Amino acid sequence: MIDRDAETPPEAPAATGPSRTRAPSVAPIHSDTADLWQTGGWVVATMGGASLVAGAVFGFQAISKKSDAEAAGCKDNRCPTEAAASTRNDARSAGNLATTLIGSGAALVGAAVAVWILKPGAPASVQVEAGPTAITVSGAWR
């Protein structure tokens, strides 16, 4: 016979183990993220500016050496002496380096502008206008 008035034995406590919580699938954006984008933009812009300055320096050297080679008698691809030919070759090398540095500097400055525009909390709108003498970029930056 079963006595219903008797106390029922207490239930065994649930097995306790390490609690498991789920990590969020997407990390929240911290305010530091926008600062990293801003800093990265300045670093890339600085590298681009340095490249543009170095390109200008080599460009002026190329122009000067070309003038020296022409003064020594070089015309087109012919030079009267080996020294004049060497000066002309130095001018060509400096000109090639100037072209490379100015091109890469312009690309880096463009990348910096893109970083600033695309950073978290970037402008709500960007407008680019091209005219006969200028290109204007404007926007509402926060």
Protein backbone atom coordinates (compact mmCIF):
# COMPACT_ATOMS: atom_id res chain seq x y z
CA MET A 1 0.00 0.00 0.00
CA ILE A 2 1.22 3.46 -0.86
CA ASP A 3 1.00 6.09 1.80
CA ARG A 4 0.25 9.36 0.09
CA ASP A 5 0.65 11.38 3.22
CA ALA A 6 4.25 10.37 3.66
CA GLU A 7 6.89 12.80 2.68
CA THR A 8 8.31 12.36 -0.71
CA PRO A 9 12.06 12.24 -0.85
CA PRO A 10 13.64 15.48 -2.05
CA GLU A 11 14.69 15.57 -5.65
CA ALA A 12 18.36 15.22 -6.36
CA PRO A 13 19.99 18.53 -7.19
CA ALA A 14 20.65 19.12 -10.86
CA ALA A 15 24.13 18.38 -12.02
CA THR A 16 26.13 21.53 -11.92
CA GLY A 17 28.82 22.04 -14.49
CA PRO A 18 30.44 24.98 -16.09
CA SER A 19 27.86 27.46 -17.22
CA ARG A 20 27.80 28.03 -20.93
CA THR A 21 26.95 31.35 -22.40
CA ARG A 22 26.92 32.22 -26.04
CA ALA A 23 29.22 34.91 -27.32
CA PRO A 24 27.58 37.44 -29.57
CA SER A 25 28.00 36.52 -33.21
CA VAL A 26 28.93 40.08 -34.19
CA ALA A 27 31.22 42.16 -32.03
CA PRO A 28 29.81 45.58 -31.22
CA ILE A 29 31.53 48.58 -32.79
CA HIS A 30 33.48 50.48 -30.20
CA SER A 31 34.22 54.15 -30.44
CA ASP A 32 37.89 53.18 -30.72
CA THR A 33 37.19 51.68 -34.15
CA ALA A 34 36.43 55.07 -35.67
CA ASP A 35 39.60 56.43 -34.08
CA LEU A 36 41.64 53.62 -35.68
CA TRP A 37 40.19 54.46 -39.09
CA GLN A 38 40.97 58.14 -38.55
CA THR A 39 44.53 57.36 -37.48
CA GLY A 40 45.00 54.94 -40.35
CA GLY A 41 43.81 57.60 -42.76
CA TRP A 42 46.35 60.08 -41.41
CA VAL A 43 49.16 57.51 -41.66
CA VAL A 44 48.31 56.69 -45.28
CA ALA A 45 47.91 60.40 -46.13
CA THR A 46 51.32 61.15 -44.58
CA MET A 47 52.94 58.38 -46.61
CA GLY A 48 51.26 59.72 -49.74
CA GLY A 49 52.38 63.27 -49.01
CA ALA A 50 55.95 62.13 -48.44
CA SER A 51 55.85 60.23 -51.72
CA LEU A 52 54.56 63.31 -53.54
CA VAL A 53 57.32 65.48 -52.06
CA ALA A 54 60.01 62.94 -52.95
CA GLY A 55 58.57 62.69 -56.46
CA ALA A 56 58.75 66.46 -56.84
CA VAL A 57 62.38 66.48 -55.68
CA PHE A 58 63.35 63.78 -58.19
CA GLY A 59 61.35 65.59 -60.87
CA PHE A 60 63.31 68.79 -60.35
CA GLN A 61 66.56 66.79 -60.41
CA ALA A 62 65.48 65.19 -63.70
CA ILE A 63 64.76 68.58 -65.24
CA SER A 64 68.12 69.95 -64.05
CA LYS A 65 70.11 66.95 -65.33
CA LYS A 66 68.28 67.04 -68.67
CA SER A 67 69.26 70.70 -69.04
CA ASP A 68 72.86 69.81 -68.17
CA ALA A 69 72.86 67.02 -70.78
CA GLU A 70 71.45 69.35 -73.45
CA ALA A 71 74.07 71.96 -72.55
CA ALA A 72 76.74 69.27 -73.01
CA GLY A 73 75.48 68.68 -76.54
CA CYS A 74 72.91 65.88 -76.19
CA LYS A 75 70.10 66.03 -78.70
CA ASP A 76 67.37 63.38 -78.91
CA ASN A 77 69.15 60.10 -78.09
CA ARG A 78 72.65 61.11 -79.22
CA CYS A 79 75.31 62.61 -76.99
CA PRO A 80 78.82 63.71 -78.06
CA THR A 81 80.62 62.36 -74.96
CA GLU A 82 80.27 59.52 -72.52
CA ALA A 83 79.86 62.00 -69.63
CA ALA A 84 76.97 63.74 -71.41
CA ALA A 85 75.32 60.37 -72.10
CA SER A 86 75.68 59.46 -68.42
CA THR A 87 74.06 62.75 -67.40
CA ARG A 88 71.19 62.12 -69.83
CA ASN A 89 70.71 58.59 -68.43
CA ASP A 90 70.72 59.98 -64.88
CA ALA A 91 68.05 62.47 -65.92
CA ARG A 92 65.92 59.69 -67.41
CA SER A 93 66.29 57.56 -64.25
CA ALA A 94 65.36 60.48 -62.01
CA GLY A 95 62.36 61.23 -64.22
CA ASN A 96 61.15 57.60 -64.07
CA LEU A 97 61.52 57.58 -60.29
CA ALA A 98 59.66 60.90 -60.03
CA THR A 99 56.79 59.52 -62.11
CA THR A 100 56.54 56.40 -59.94
CA LEU A 101 56.66 58.35 -56.67
CA ILE A 102 54.08 60.92 -57.77
CA GLY A 103 51.75 58.21 -59.04
CA SER A 104 51.99 56.15 -55.86
CA GLY A 105 51.69 59.28 -53.71
CA ALA A 106 48.49 60.28 -55.47
CA ALA A 107 47.12 56.75 -55.01
CA LEU A 108 47.96 56.81 -51.29
CA VAL A 109 46.32 60.20 -50.78
CA GLY A 110 43.26 58.90 -52.63
CA ALA A 111 43.22 55.82 -50.39
CA ALA A 112 43.40 58.05 -47.30
CA VAL A 113 40.39 60.03 -48.49
CA ALA A 114 38.54 56.75 -49.06
CA VAL A 115 39.43 55.58 -45.54
CA TRP A 116 38.08 58.82 -44.05
CA ILE A 117 34.89 58.59 -46.08
CA LEU A 118 34.28 54.90 -45.31
CA LYS A 119 35.11 54.95 -41.60
CA PRO A 120 32.34 54.15 -39.11
CA GLY A 121 30.25 57.25 -38.53
CA ALA A 122 31.32 58.59 -41.92
CA PRO A 123 29.51 61.41 -43.66
CA ALA A 124 25.89 60.95 -44.45
CA SER A 125 26.42 62.33 -47.92
CA VAL A 126 29.30 63.02 -50.25
CA GLN A 127 29.04 65.09 -53.39
CA VAL A 128 31.65 65.28 -56.14
CA GLU A 129 31.46 68.03 -58.74
CA ALA A 130 33.74 68.38 -61.77
CA GLY A 131 34.09 71.65 -63.58
CA PRO A 132 36.37 72.95 -66.31
CA THR A 133 39.06 74.07 -63.87
CA ALA A 134 38.41 72.19 -60.63
CA ILE A 135 37.05 69.08 -58.96
CA THR A 136 35.15 69.72 -55.72
CA VAL A 137 34.40 67.11 -53.06
CA SER A 138 31.96 68.11 -50.33
CA GLY A 139 30.02 66.29 -47.66
CA ALA A 140 28.43 66.44 -44.26
CA TRP A 141 31.10 65.12 -41.90
CA ARG A 142 30.24 64.36 -38.31
